[in-house]
Amino acid sequence: MTNFNLDETLFDEMQLNIIKKHIDGGYNPESFANPKYDWTKMQVAAHAVRKGIDISKYLDTFPSEQLDLIRLGISRGLDIEQMANPAYSFDEMYHKLLILEYNKNGKTYDR
């Protein structure tokens, strides 16, 4: 069980469901339990925490879809700093992710 103090008045129903589920699972939601993050960001961050991945430094900068790409890249052991650029669209980040994964497998592709 976690020692996280939850002020339920600060969050909407979807956010609370994610936070409570996370606490019930024995995880600390402190890295993402902030009312400024919508429930989709919280969901991605909660999934990352359950997998032992910290994406908290990206929460203020990226939308949930791009956060999920960052989480995926980290989980695959990729150097995600090459793709974690707020100037990139989702498609550009996804393309960078594919290139990083391809290059990690001993092949070279740099387009």
N, C-alpha and C. Protein backbone atom coordinates (compact mmCIF):
# COMPACT_ATOMS: atom_id res chain seq x y z
N MET A 1 0.85 -1.19 0.00
CA MET A 1 0.00 0.00 0.00
C MET A 1 0.89 1.25 0.00
N THR A 2 0.41 2.27 -0.61
CA THR A 2 1.17 3.51 -0.74
C THR A 2 0.71 4.54 0.29
N ASN A 3 1.58 5.49 0.60
CA ASN A 3 1.26 6.56 1.55
C ASN A 3 0.79 7.82 0.85
N PHE A 4 0.30 7.71 -0.34
CA PHE A 4 -0.14 8.86 -1.12
C PHE A 4 -1.44 9.41 -0.54
N ASN A 5 -1.47 10.72 -0.27
CA ASN A 5 -2.68 11.37 0.23
C ASN A 5 -3.46 11.94 -0.95
N LEU A 6 -4.68 11.49 -1.13
CA LEU A 6 -5.49 11.86 -2.28
C LEU A 6 -6.61 12.81 -1.87
N ASP A 7 -6.60 14.00 -2.44
CA ASP A 7 -7.69 14.95 -2.26
C ASP A 7 -8.64 14.75 -3.43
N GLU A 8 -9.67 14.00 -3.22
CA GLU A 8 -10.60 13.61 -4.30
C GLU A 8 -11.33 14.80 -4.91
N THR A 9 -11.39 15.90 -4.22
CA THR A 9 -12.11 17.05 -4.75
C THR A 9 -11.38 17.71 -5.92
N LEU A 10 -10.12 17.38 -6.11
CA LEU A 10 -9.32 18.00 -7.17
C LEU A 10 -9.43 17.31 -8.52
N PHE A 11 -9.99 16.10 -8.55
CA PHE A 11 -9.96 15.27 -9.74
C PHE A 11 -11.36 14.94 -10.24
N ASP A 12 -11.47 14.70 -11.56
CA ASP A 12 -12.75 14.24 -12.10
C ASP A 12 -12.87 12.72 -11.91
N GLU A 13 -13.98 12.18 -12.28
CA GLU A 13 -14.26 10.76 -12.04
C GLU A 13 -13.27 9.84 -12.75
N MET A 14 -12.94 10.14 -13.99
CA MET A 14 -12.01 9.30 -14.75
C MET A 14 -10.62 9.33 -14.12
N GLN A 15 -10.16 10.52 -13.74
CA GLN A 15 -8.85 10.64 -13.10
C GLN A 15 -8.83 9.85 -11.79
N LEU A 16 -9.89 9.98 -11.00
CA LEU A 16 -9.96 9.26 -9.73
C LEU A 16 -9.93 7.75 -9.92
N ASN A 17 -10.64 7.27 -10.93
CA ASN A 17 -10.64 5.83 -11.19
C ASN A 17 -9.22 5.32 -11.46
N ILE A 18 -8.47 6.05 -12.26
CA ILE A 18 -7.10 5.64 -12.59
C ILE A 18 -6.22 5.68 -11.35
N ILE A 19 -6.31 6.76 -10.59
CA ILE A 19 -5.49 6.91 -9.39
C ILE A 19 -5.81 5.81 -8.37
N LYS A 20 -7.10 5.60 -8.11
CA LYS A 20 -7.50 4.60 -7.12
C LYS A 20 -7.10 3.19 -7.55
N LYS A 21 -7.26 2.88 -8.82
CA LYS A 21 -6.86 1.57 -9.33
C LYS A 21 -5.35 1.38 -9.15
N HIS A 22 -4.62 2.42 -9.38
CA HIS A 22 -3.16 2.38 -9.23
C HIS A 22 -2.79 2.15 -7.77
N ILE A 23 -3.42 2.88 -6.86
CA ILE A 23 -3.16 2.71 -5.43
C ILE A 23 -3.55 1.30 -4.99
N ASP A 24 -4.72 0.83 -5.43
CA ASP A 24 -5.18 -0.51 -5.07
C ASP A 24 -4.21 -1.59 -5.55
N GLY A 25 -3.51 -1.31 -6.64
CA GLY A 25 -2.52 -2.25 -7.16
C GLY A 25 -1.19 -2.17 -6.44
N GLY A 26 -1.09 -1.26 -5.46
CA GLY A 26 0.12 -1.15 -4.68
C GLY A 26 1.16 -0.20 -5.26
N TYR A 27 0.74 0.61 -6.23
CA TYR A 27 1.65 1.56 -6.87
C TYR A 27 1.41 2.97 -6.36
N ASN A 28 2.45 3.76 -6.37
CA ASN A 28 2.36 5.15 -5.95
C ASN A 28 2.07 6.02 -7.18
N PRO A 29 0.94 6.74 -7.17
CA PRO A 29 0.57 7.56 -8.33
C PRO A 29 1.15 8.97 -8.30
N GLU A 30 2.06 9.24 -7.38
CA GLU A 30 2.55 10.60 -7.17
C GLU A 30 3.11 11.24 -8.44
N SER A 31 3.74 10.45 -9.32
CA SER A 31 4.38 11.02 -10.51
C SER A 31 3.37 11.56 -11.53
N PHE A 32 2.11 11.13 -11.44
CA PHE A 32 1.13 11.58 -12.44
C PHE A 32 -0.19 12.07 -11.87
N ALA A 33 -0.40 11.93 -10.58
CA ALA A 33 -1.68 12.33 -9.98
C ALA A 33 -1.70 13.84 -9.76
N ASN A 34 -1.97 14.52 -10.85
CA ASN A 34 -2.02 15.98 -10.83
C ASN A 34 -3.26 16.38 -11.63
N PRO A 35 -4.13 17.20 -11.07
CA PRO A 35 -5.37 17.54 -11.78
C PRO A 35 -5.16 18.20 -13.14
N LYS A 36 -3.97 18.73 -13.39
CA LYS A 36 -3.73 19.36 -14.69
C LYS A 36 -3.56 18.32 -15.81
N TYR A 37 -3.32 17.06 -15.45
CA TYR A 37 -3.20 16.01 -16.46
C TYR A 37 -4.55 15.36 -16.68
N ASP A 38 -4.99 15.32 -17.94
CA ASP A 38 -6.26 14.67 -18.22
C ASP A 38 -6.12 13.16 -18.00
N TRP A 39 -7.25 12.49 -18.00
CA TRP A 39 -7.23 11.06 -17.67
C TRP A 39 -6.44 10.25 -18.69
N THR A 40 -6.34 10.71 -19.95
CA THR A 40 -5.59 9.93 -20.94
C THR A 40 -4.10 9.96 -20.63
N LYS A 41 -3.59 11.12 -20.22
CA LYS A 41 -2.18 11.20 -19.81
C LYS A 41 -1.93 10.35 -18.57
N MET A 42 -2.87 10.43 -17.63
CA MET A 42 -2.73 9.64 -16.41
C MET A 42 -2.72 8.15 -16.72
N GLN A 43 -3.54 7.73 -17.66
CA GLN A 43 -3.62 6.31 -18.02
C GLN A 43 -2.28 5.83 -18.59
N VAL A 44 -1.70 6.61 -19.49
CA VAL A 44 -0.41 6.24 -20.08
C VAL A 44 0.67 6.21 -19.01
N ALA A 45 0.68 7.24 -18.16
CA ALA A 45 1.69 7.30 -17.10
C ALA A 45 1.53 6.16 -16.10
N ALA A 46 0.29 5.83 -15.76
CA ALA A 46 0.04 4.72 -14.83
C ALA A 46 0.53 3.40 -15.42
N HIS A 47 0.26 3.19 -16.68
CA HIS A 47 0.73 1.98 -17.36
C HIS A 47 2.26 1.92 -17.33
N ALA A 48 2.89 3.05 -17.58
CA ALA A 48 4.36 3.11 -17.55
C ALA A 48 4.89 2.77 -16.16
N VAL A 49 4.30 3.35 -15.13
CA VAL A 49 4.75 3.08 -13.76
C VAL A 49 4.63 1.60 -13.43
N ARG A 50 3.52 0.98 -13.83
CA ARG A 50 3.33 -0.45 -13.58
C ARG A 50 4.40 -1.29 -14.27
N LYS A 51 4.95 -0.77 -15.35
CA LYS A 51 6.01 -1.48 -16.08
C LYS A 51 7.41 -1.05 -15.64
N GLY A 52 7.47 -0.18 -14.62
CA GLY A 52 8.76 0.28 -14.12
C GLY A 52 9.41 1.36 -14.96
N ILE A 53 8.61 2.07 -15.71
CA ILE A 53 9.11 3.11 -16.62
C ILE A 53 8.66 4.48 -16.11
N ASP A 54 9.59 5.40 -16.03
CA ASP A 54 9.28 6.75 -15.57
C ASP A 54 9.20 7.70 -16.76
N ILE A 55 8.01 8.18 -17.07
CA ILE A 55 7.84 9.16 -18.15
C ILE A 55 7.41 10.51 -17.59
N SER A 56 7.55 10.69 -16.29
CA SER A 56 7.05 11.91 -15.64
C SER A 56 7.65 13.19 -16.22
N LYS A 57 8.91 13.15 -16.65
CA LYS A 57 9.51 14.38 -17.18
C LYS A 57 8.93 14.81 -18.52
N TYR A 58 8.15 13.94 -19.15
CA TYR A 58 7.54 14.24 -20.44
C TYR A 58 6.07 14.64 -20.33
N LEU A 59 5.47 14.49 -19.15
CA LEU A 59 4.03 14.71 -18.99
C LEU A 59 3.58 16.13 -19.33
N ASP A 60 4.39 17.12 -19.01
CA ASP A 60 4.00 18.50 -19.27
C ASP A 60 4.17 18.90 -20.73
N THR A 61 4.92 18.13 -21.47
CA THR A 61 5.33 18.53 -22.82
C THR A 61 4.57 17.84 -23.94
N PHE A 62 4.14 16.61 -23.73
CA PHE A 62 3.58 15.80 -24.81
C PHE A 62 2.14 15.38 -24.54
N PRO A 63 1.34 15.24 -25.61
CA PRO A 63 -0.01 14.68 -25.44
C PRO A 63 0.08 13.17 -25.20
N SER A 64 -1.01 12.59 -24.77
CA SER A 64 -1.01 11.18 -24.37
C SER A 64 -0.55 10.23 -25.47
N GLU A 65 -0.92 10.50 -26.72
CA GLU A 65 -0.53 9.60 -27.80
C GLU A 65 0.99 9.56 -27.96
N GLN A 66 1.62 10.72 -27.85
CA GLN A 66 3.07 10.77 -27.96
C GLN A 66 3.74 10.22 -26.70
N LEU A 67 3.12 10.41 -25.54
CA LEU A 67 3.64 9.81 -24.32
C LEU A 67 3.68 8.30 -24.44
N ASP A 68 2.68 7.75 -25.08
CA ASP A 68 2.65 6.29 -25.25
C ASP A 68 3.80 5.83 -26.15
N LEU A 69 4.14 6.61 -27.16
CA LEU A 69 5.29 6.27 -28.00
C LEU A 69 6.59 6.34 -27.20
N ILE A 70 6.70 7.35 -26.36
CA ILE A 70 7.87 7.49 -25.50
C ILE A 70 7.98 6.29 -24.57
N ARG A 71 6.86 5.92 -23.95
CA ARG A 71 6.83 4.75 -23.07
C ARG A 71 7.27 3.49 -23.82
N LEU A 72 6.75 3.33 -25.02
CA LEU A 72 7.09 2.18 -25.84
C LEU A 72 8.58 2.16 -26.18
N GLY A 73 9.10 3.30 -26.56
CA GLY A 73 10.53 3.38 -26.88
C GLY A 73 11.41 3.03 -25.70
N ILE A 74 11.07 3.55 -24.53
CA ILE A 74 11.84 3.24 -23.32
C ILE A 74 11.75 1.74 -23.02
N SER A 75 10.56 1.19 -23.14
CA SER A 75 10.38 -0.24 -22.84
C SER A 75 11.18 -1.14 -23.77
N ARG A 76 11.49 -0.63 -24.94
CA ARG A 76 12.28 -1.39 -25.92
C ARG A 76 13.77 -1.06 -25.86
N GLY A 77 14.15 -0.25 -24.88
CA GLY A 77 15.56 0.07 -24.69
C GLY A 77 16.13 1.02 -25.72
N LEU A 78 15.29 1.86 -26.29
CA LEU A 78 15.74 2.79 -27.33
C LEU A 78 16.16 4.12 -26.72
N ASP A 79 17.02 4.84 -27.40
CA ASP A 79 17.43 6.18 -26.99
C ASP A 79 16.35 7.15 -27.44
N ILE A 80 15.35 7.30 -26.63
CA ILE A 80 14.17 8.06 -27.05
C ILE A 80 14.40 9.56 -27.14
N GLU A 81 15.52 10.04 -26.64
CA GLU A 81 15.80 11.48 -26.75
C GLU A 81 15.88 11.90 -28.22
N GLN A 82 16.16 10.96 -29.09
CA GLN A 82 16.22 11.26 -30.53
C GLN A 82 14.83 11.45 -31.13
N MET A 83 13.81 11.01 -30.43
CA MET A 83 12.45 11.14 -30.97
C MET A 83 11.55 12.01 -30.10
N ALA A 84 11.94 12.22 -28.84
CA ALA A 84 11.10 12.97 -27.90
C ALA A 84 11.30 14.47 -28.09
N ASN A 85 10.73 14.94 -29.17
CA ASN A 85 10.84 16.35 -29.51
C ASN A 85 9.43 16.90 -29.68
N PRO A 86 9.06 17.89 -28.87
CA PRO A 86 7.69 18.41 -28.96
C PRO A 86 7.35 19.04 -30.31
N ALA A 87 8.37 19.34 -31.10
CA ALA A 87 8.11 19.90 -32.43
C ALA A 87 7.64 18.83 -33.41
N TYR A 88 7.87 17.56 -33.08
CA TYR A 88 7.46 16.46 -33.97
C TYR A 88 5.98 16.16 -33.80
N SER A 89 5.33 15.85 -34.90
CA SER A 89 3.96 15.36 -34.85
C SER A 89 3.98 13.90 -34.38
N PHE A 90 2.81 13.36 -34.11
CA PHE A 90 2.73 11.95 -33.75
C PHE A 90 3.35 11.08 -34.84
N ASP A 91 3.01 11.35 -36.09
CA ASP A 91 3.53 10.54 -37.19
C ASP A 91 5.05 10.63 -37.29
N GLU A 92 5.60 11.83 -37.09
CA GLU A 92 7.05 11.98 -37.13
C GLU A 92 7.72 11.21 -35.98
N MET A 93 7.12 11.29 -34.80
CA MET A 93 7.68 10.55 -33.66
C MET A 93 7.61 9.05 -33.91
N TYR A 94 6.50 8.60 -34.45
CA TYR A 94 6.35 7.18 -34.73
C TYR A 94 7.39 6.72 -35.75
N HIS A 95 7.60 7.52 -36.77
CA HIS A 95 8.61 7.21 -37.78
C HIS A 95 10.00 7.13 -37.13
N LYS A 96 10.32 8.09 -36.26
CA LYS A 96 11.61 8.07 -35.55
C LYS A 96 11.73 6.82 -34.69
N LEU A 97 10.64 6.44 -34.03
CA LEU A 97 10.64 5.22 -33.22
C LEU A 97 10.97 4.00 -34.06
N LEU A 98 10.34 3.91 -35.22
CA LEU A 98 10.61 2.77 -36.11
C LEU A 98 12.06 2.75 -36.57
N ILE A 99 12.60 3.92 -36.88
CA ILE A 99 14.00 4.01 -37.30
C ILE A 99 14.93 3.58 -36.16
N LEU A 100 14.67 4.06 -34.97
CA LEU A 100 15.49 3.69 -33.81
C LEU A 100 15.46 2.18 -33.58
N GLU A 101 14.28 1.61 -33.70
CA GLU A 101 14.15 0.17 -33.49
C GLU A 101 14.87 -0.61 -34.60
N TYR A 102 14.73 -0.15 -35.81
CA TYR A 102 15.39 -0.79 -36.96
C TYR A 102 16.90 -0.73 -36.78
N ASN A 103 17.41 0.45 -36.41
CA ASN A 103 18.86 0.61 -36.22
C ASN A 103 19.36 -0.21 -35.04
N LYS A 104 18.55 -0.36 -34.01
CA LYS A 104 18.94 -1.17 -32.84
C LYS A 104 19.15 -2.63 -33.23
N ASN A 105 18.42 -3.07 -34.21
CA ASN A 105 18.51 -4.46 -34.65
C ASN A 105 19.66 -4.69 -35.62
N GLY A 106 20.63 -3.76 -35.66
CA GLY A 106 21.82 -3.97 -36.46
C GLY A 106 21.72 -3.51 -37.89
N LYS A 107 20.65 -2.89 -38.23
CA LYS A 107 20.47 -2.39 -39.59
C LYS A 107 20.61 -0.88 -39.56
N THR A 108 20.79 -0.27 -40.69
CA THR A 108 20.94 1.17 -40.73
C THR A 108 19.88 1.78 -41.64
N TYR A 109 19.14 2.68 -41.05
CA TYR A 109 18.13 3.42 -41.80
C TYR A 109 18.06 4.79 -41.18
N ASP A 110 18.35 5.81 -41.95
CA ASP A 110 18.35 7.15 -41.40
C ASP A 110 17.71 8.12 -42.38
N ARG A 111 16.43 8.14 -42.37
CA ARG A 111 15.72 9.02 -43.28
C ARG A 111 14.83 9.95 -42.57
